[in-house]
N, C-alpha and C. Protein backbone atom coordinates (compact mmCIF):
# COMPACT_ATOMS: atom_id res chain seq x y z
N MET A 1 -64.59 3.92 37.81
CA MET A 1 -64.78 3.21 39.16
C MET A 1 -63.49 2.46 39.43
N VAL A 2 -62.78 2.32 40.52
CA VAL A 2 -61.80 1.44 40.86
C VAL A 2 -62.43 0.08 41.09
N ILE A 3 -61.51 -0.92 40.46
CA ILE A 3 -62.03 -2.14 40.58
C ILE A 3 -62.66 -2.71 42.04
N TYR A 4 -62.01 -2.11 43.16
CA TYR A 4 -62.42 -2.60 44.50
C TYR A 4 -63.75 -1.94 44.75
N GLU A 5 -63.98 -0.74 44.20
CA GLU A 5 -65.14 -0.13 44.58
C GLU A 5 -66.35 -0.68 43.63
N GLU A 6 -65.97 -1.21 42.36
CA GLU A 6 -66.96 -1.96 41.71
C GLU A 6 -67.46 -3.35 42.32
N ALA A 7 -66.24 -3.98 42.72
CA ALA A 7 -66.64 -5.09 43.45
C ALA A 7 -67.42 -4.96 44.68
N ALA A 8 -67.09 -3.94 45.57
CA ALA A 8 -68.03 -3.74 46.77
C ALA A 8 -69.32 -3.18 46.64
N ASN A 9 -69.45 -2.37 45.44
CA ASN A 9 -70.84 -1.73 45.26
C ASN A 9 -71.71 -2.45 44.30
N GLU A 10 -71.12 -3.29 43.29
CA GLU A 10 -72.07 -3.86 42.30
C GLU A 10 -71.90 -5.34 42.30
N ILE A 11 -70.48 -5.80 42.27
CA ILE A 11 -70.31 -7.25 41.96
C ILE A 11 -70.65 -8.16 43.12
N ILE A 12 -70.33 -7.75 44.38
CA ILE A 12 -70.62 -8.55 45.52
C ILE A 12 -72.10 -8.50 45.77
N PRO A 13 -72.89 -7.44 45.81
CA PRO A 13 -74.23 -7.34 45.81
C PRO A 13 -74.97 -8.40 44.86
N ALA A 14 -74.38 -8.38 43.60
CA ALA A 14 -75.09 -9.19 42.58
C ALA A 14 -74.89 -10.63 42.82
N ILE A 15 -73.71 -11.07 43.21
CA ILE A 15 -73.26 -12.44 43.71
C ILE A 15 -74.21 -12.91 44.82
N ARG A 16 -74.39 -12.01 45.86
CA ARG A 16 -75.10 -12.17 47.09
C ARG A 16 -76.66 -12.51 46.57
N SER A 17 -77.23 -11.68 45.81
CA SER A 17 -78.40 -11.68 45.21
C SER A 17 -78.62 -13.08 44.62
N ARG A 18 -77.77 -13.49 43.57
CA ARG A 18 -77.84 -14.78 42.98
C ARG A 18 -77.70 -16.06 43.83
N LEU A 19 -76.96 -15.77 45.00
CA LEU A 19 -76.71 -16.96 45.85
C LEU A 19 -77.82 -17.02 46.99
N ALA A 20 -78.48 -15.85 47.08
CA ALA A 20 -79.64 -15.94 48.16
C ALA A 20 -80.78 -16.45 47.42
N ASN A 21 -80.90 -16.13 46.14
CA ASN A 21 -82.20 -16.61 45.52
C ASN A 21 -82.16 -18.18 45.21
N THR A 22 -80.84 -18.62 45.04
CA THR A 22 -80.55 -20.04 44.61
C THR A 22 -80.88 -20.77 46.04
N LEU A 23 -80.21 -20.35 47.14
CA LEU A 23 -80.40 -20.89 48.40
C LEU A 23 -81.73 -20.94 49.03
N ILE A 24 -82.67 -20.10 48.56
CA ILE A 24 -84.13 -20.06 49.02
C ILE A 24 -84.73 -20.80 48.02
N ASN A 25 -84.73 -20.84 46.84
CA ASN A 25 -85.41 -21.56 45.80
C ASN A 25 -85.12 -23.07 45.66
N LYS A 26 -83.65 -23.28 45.56
CA LYS A 26 -83.31 -24.49 45.42
C LYS A 26 -83.09 -25.50 46.59
N TYR A 27 -82.71 -24.78 47.72
CA TYR A 27 -82.33 -25.52 49.10
C TYR A 27 -83.33 -25.18 49.98
N ASN A 28 -84.44 -24.34 49.58
CA ASN A 28 -85.60 -24.15 50.56
C ASN A 28 -85.17 -23.58 51.98
N LEU A 29 -84.06 -22.86 51.92
CA LEU A 29 -83.65 -22.26 53.21
C LEU A 29 -84.45 -20.80 53.39
N LYS A 30 -84.53 -20.47 54.68
CA LYS A 30 -85.35 -19.36 55.01
C LYS A 30 -84.34 -17.96 54.86
N GLU A 31 -85.19 -16.99 54.71
CA GLU A 31 -84.29 -15.77 54.60
C GLU A 31 -83.32 -15.47 55.61
N GLU A 32 -83.77 -15.80 56.99
CA GLU A 32 -82.91 -15.69 58.18
C GLU A 32 -81.66 -16.37 57.99
N LYS A 33 -81.66 -17.72 57.64
CA LYS A 33 -80.65 -18.56 57.39
C LYS A 33 -79.66 -18.16 56.36
N VAL A 34 -80.23 -17.57 55.23
CA VAL A 34 -79.51 -17.20 54.12
C VAL A 34 -78.83 -15.91 54.60
N ALA A 35 -79.29 -15.14 55.14
CA ALA A 35 -78.77 -13.83 55.63
C ALA A 35 -77.41 -14.15 56.55
N GLU A 36 -77.67 -15.21 57.43
CA GLU A 36 -76.48 -15.50 58.39
C GLU A 36 -75.47 -16.28 57.52
N LEU A 37 -75.82 -16.87 56.62
CA LEU A 37 -74.70 -17.66 55.68
C LEU A 37 -73.89 -16.65 54.83
N LEU A 38 -74.57 -15.52 54.43
CA LEU A 38 -74.01 -14.56 53.52
C LEU A 38 -73.39 -13.48 54.25
N GLY A 39 -73.84 -13.27 55.64
CA GLY A 39 -73.32 -12.27 56.45
C GLY A 39 -73.94 -10.90 56.33
N VAL A 40 -75.04 -10.84 55.94
CA VAL A 40 -75.94 -9.70 55.60
C VAL A 40 -77.01 -9.82 56.50
N ALA A 41 -77.96 -8.49 56.60
CA ALA A 41 -79.15 -8.45 57.40
C ALA A 41 -80.31 -9.11 56.50
N GLN A 42 -81.26 -9.67 57.25
CA GLN A 42 -82.43 -10.23 56.68
C GLN A 42 -83.18 -9.38 55.66
N ALA A 43 -83.15 -8.10 55.90
CA ALA A 43 -83.61 -7.15 55.00
C ALA A 43 -83.05 -7.14 53.59
N ALA A 44 -81.65 -7.45 53.66
CA ALA A 44 -80.86 -7.36 52.40
C ALA A 44 -81.46 -8.58 51.53
N ILE A 45 -81.72 -9.54 52.17
CA ILE A 45 -82.05 -10.88 51.55
C ILE A 45 -83.54 -10.72 50.97
N SER A 46 -84.27 -9.94 51.72
CA SER A 46 -85.72 -9.69 51.24
C SER A 46 -85.65 -8.74 50.04
N LYS A 47 -84.71 -7.85 50.01
CA LYS A 47 -84.53 -6.88 48.82
C LYS A 47 -84.06 -7.81 47.65
N TYR A 48 -83.19 -8.56 47.90
CA TYR A 48 -82.63 -9.44 46.76
C TYR A 48 -83.83 -10.42 46.19
N LYS A 49 -84.54 -10.83 47.18
CA LYS A 49 -85.47 -11.83 46.72
C LYS A 49 -86.50 -11.14 45.73
N THR A 50 -86.91 -9.90 46.16
CA THR A 50 -87.86 -9.03 45.42
C THR A 50 -87.32 -8.45 44.22
N GLY A 51 -86.01 -8.32 44.07
CA GLY A 51 -85.34 -7.47 42.95
C GLY A 51 -85.50 -6.18 43.16
N LYS A 52 -85.42 -5.66 44.36
CA LYS A 52 -85.46 -4.12 44.45
C LYS A 52 -84.11 -3.64 44.77
N TYR A 53 -83.23 -3.64 43.63
CA TYR A 53 -81.92 -3.06 43.67
C TYR A 53 -81.53 -2.53 42.22
N SER A 54 -80.53 -1.93 42.08
CA SER A 54 -80.18 -1.24 40.92
C SER A 54 -80.16 -2.11 39.76
N GLU A 55 -80.31 -1.37 38.41
CA GLU A 55 -80.29 -2.03 37.36
C GLU A 55 -79.01 -2.54 36.96
N LYS A 56 -77.79 -1.84 37.43
CA LYS A 56 -76.62 -2.38 37.21
C LYS A 56 -76.28 -3.72 37.73
N ILE A 57 -76.60 -3.83 39.12
CA ILE A 57 -76.60 -5.19 39.68
C ILE A 57 -77.51 -6.19 39.02
N LYS A 58 -78.63 -5.81 38.54
CA LYS A 58 -79.35 -6.80 37.81
C LYS A 58 -78.59 -7.20 36.58
N GLU A 59 -78.04 -6.26 35.91
CA GLU A 59 -77.23 -6.57 34.55
C GLU A 59 -76.08 -7.66 34.86
N ILE A 60 -75.45 -7.33 36.09
CA ILE A 60 -74.29 -8.16 36.52
C ILE A 60 -74.76 -9.48 36.85
N GLU A 61 -75.88 -9.58 37.50
CA GLU A 61 -76.35 -10.90 37.87
C GLU A 61 -76.64 -11.89 36.63
N GLY A 62 -76.87 -11.24 35.69
CA GLY A 62 -77.17 -11.96 34.31
C GLY A 62 -75.86 -12.52 33.78
N LYS A 63 -74.81 -11.93 34.09
CA LYS A 63 -73.58 -12.33 33.61
C LYS A 63 -72.69 -13.41 34.58
N LEU A 64 -73.21 -13.66 35.62
CA LEU A 64 -72.68 -14.47 36.49
C LEU A 64 -73.08 -15.97 36.15
N SER A 65 -71.98 -16.76 36.16
CA SER A 65 -72.21 -18.31 35.93
C SER A 65 -73.18 -18.91 36.77
N GLY A 66 -74.28 -19.33 36.09
CA GLY A 66 -75.11 -20.18 37.10
C GLY A 66 -74.51 -21.55 37.51
N GLU A 67 -73.57 -22.11 36.77
CA GLU A 67 -73.14 -23.17 37.26
C GLU A 67 -72.28 -22.98 38.47
N LEU A 68 -71.38 -22.02 38.60
CA LEU A 68 -70.51 -21.41 39.73
C LEU A 68 -71.31 -21.17 40.87
N ILE A 69 -72.58 -20.38 40.56
CA ILE A 69 -73.63 -20.04 41.64
C ILE A 69 -74.06 -21.35 42.24
N ASP A 70 -74.57 -22.22 41.43
CA ASP A 70 -75.05 -23.50 41.99
C ASP A 70 -73.93 -24.29 42.73
N LYS A 71 -72.74 -24.29 42.34
CA LYS A 71 -71.76 -24.95 43.07
C LYS A 71 -71.61 -24.33 44.51
N TYR A 72 -71.50 -23.09 44.64
CA TYR A 72 -71.13 -22.32 45.95
C TYR A 72 -72.45 -22.31 46.77
N ALA A 73 -73.60 -22.42 46.21
CA ALA A 73 -74.88 -22.37 47.08
C ALA A 73 -74.85 -23.72 47.51
N LYS A 74 -74.50 -24.69 46.97
CA LYS A 74 -74.44 -26.16 47.47
C LYS A 74 -73.61 -26.20 48.61
N ILE A 75 -72.43 -25.73 48.38
CA ILE A 75 -71.38 -25.72 49.34
C ILE A 75 -71.70 -24.89 50.57
N LEU A 76 -72.32 -23.68 50.56
CA LEU A 76 -72.80 -22.96 51.61
C LEU A 76 -74.02 -23.73 52.38
N SER A 77 -74.88 -24.39 51.67
CA SER A 77 -75.98 -25.01 52.31
C SER A 77 -75.60 -26.17 52.99
N GLU A 78 -74.57 -26.88 52.67
CA GLU A 78 -73.95 -28.01 53.33
C GLU A 78 -72.89 -27.50 54.61
N SER A 79 -72.12 -26.65 54.23
CA SER A 79 -70.89 -26.28 55.23
C SER A 79 -71.08 -25.26 55.95
N GLY A 80 -72.12 -24.25 55.65
CA GLY A 80 -72.26 -23.20 56.66
C GLY A 80 -71.35 -21.95 56.19
N LYS A 81 -71.51 -20.81 57.05
CA LYS A 81 -71.01 -19.55 56.49
C LYS A 81 -69.51 -19.62 56.70
N ASP A 82 -68.66 -20.66 56.98
CA ASP A 82 -67.44 -20.74 57.04
C ASP A 82 -66.74 -20.68 55.76
N ARG A 83 -67.68 -20.97 54.68
CA ARG A 83 -67.20 -20.95 53.39
C ARG A 83 -67.72 -19.79 52.37
N SER A 84 -68.39 -18.88 53.26
CA SER A 84 -68.99 -17.70 52.61
C SER A 84 -67.97 -16.93 51.94
N ARG A 85 -66.87 -16.52 52.45
CA ARG A 85 -65.85 -15.63 51.90
C ARG A 85 -65.12 -16.31 50.69
N GLU A 86 -64.80 -17.61 50.69
CA GLU A 86 -64.46 -18.35 49.63
C GLU A 86 -65.52 -18.38 48.46
N ALA A 87 -66.65 -18.37 48.72
CA ALA A 87 -67.64 -18.27 47.66
C ALA A 87 -67.66 -16.90 47.01
N LEU A 88 -67.70 -16.03 47.88
CA LEU A 88 -67.60 -14.43 47.21
C LEU A 88 -66.54 -14.29 46.45
N CYS A 89 -65.25 -14.51 46.95
CA CYS A 89 -64.04 -14.36 46.38
C CYS A 89 -63.92 -15.10 44.96
N SER A 90 -64.33 -16.33 44.93
CA SER A 90 -64.20 -17.18 43.93
C SER A 90 -65.20 -16.66 42.49
N LEU A 91 -66.21 -16.25 43.01
CA LEU A 91 -67.33 -15.81 42.09
C LEU A 91 -66.97 -14.30 41.48
N CYS A 92 -66.39 -13.68 42.36
CA CYS A 92 -65.93 -12.33 41.95
C CYS A 92 -64.93 -12.40 41.08
N GLN A 93 -63.76 -13.18 41.40
CA GLN A 93 -62.69 -13.55 40.61
C GLN A 93 -63.13 -13.99 39.09
N ALA A 94 -63.95 -14.97 39.07
CA ALA A 94 -64.61 -15.37 37.79
C ALA A 94 -65.38 -14.34 36.90
N TYR A 95 -66.15 -13.45 37.62
CA TYR A 95 -66.61 -12.28 36.96
C TYR A 95 -65.79 -11.45 36.33
N PHE A 96 -64.72 -11.13 37.11
CA PHE A 96 -63.73 -10.19 36.50
C PHE A 96 -62.97 -10.78 35.51
N SER A 97 -62.69 -12.27 35.67
CA SER A 97 -62.10 -12.82 34.46
C SER A 97 -62.76 -12.89 33.16
N PHE A 98 -64.15 -12.97 33.40
CA PHE A 98 -65.20 -12.91 32.21
C PHE A 98 -65.00 -11.46 31.70
N LYS A 99 -65.28 -10.59 32.50
CA LYS A 99 -65.12 -9.11 32.01
C LYS A 99 -64.07 -8.76 31.32
N CYS A 100 -62.69 -9.24 31.71
CA CYS A 100 -61.61 -8.88 31.14
C CYS A 100 -61.46 -9.58 29.69
N LYS A 101 -62.10 -10.88 29.53
CA LYS A 101 -62.22 -11.50 28.23
C LYS A 101 -63.08 -10.52 27.31
N LEU A 102 -64.20 -10.14 27.89
CA LEU A 102 -65.06 -9.18 26.94
C LEU A 102 -64.14 -7.95 26.64
N ILE A 103 -63.48 -7.26 27.31
CA ILE A 103 -62.68 -6.16 27.23
C ILE A 103 -61.60 -6.45 26.01
N ALA A 104 -60.85 -7.53 26.17
CA ALA A 104 -59.91 -8.08 25.18
C ALA A 104 -60.56 -8.09 23.71
N ARG A 105 -61.77 -8.61 23.83
CA ARG A 105 -62.42 -8.82 22.27
C ARG A 105 -62.92 -7.55 21.83
N ALA A 106 -63.07 -6.39 22.49
CA ALA A 106 -63.25 -5.05 21.95
C ALA A 106 -62.48 -4.64 21.22
């Protein structure tokens, strides 16, 4: 899979899922508000909240830095959706940096 396909199909949904759950559970935001912040439908947030998505996305979620997720969830909760792209890009870059380090060790 090409890196951009992996990002679009797996990494970004995993990031959105972690951000959505953090925004709902830690910042007490409603699904509709989280959907607006992340630029997705409310149905996608419901899916993330209930864990109804692929095992690959669940696997990736576990590898995402909780510290970075918390940082960007806080930024989004305070600043709004204008910072959504920054959050997704930073978290995606951090994931690929982590992945590259794992590959180098193999």
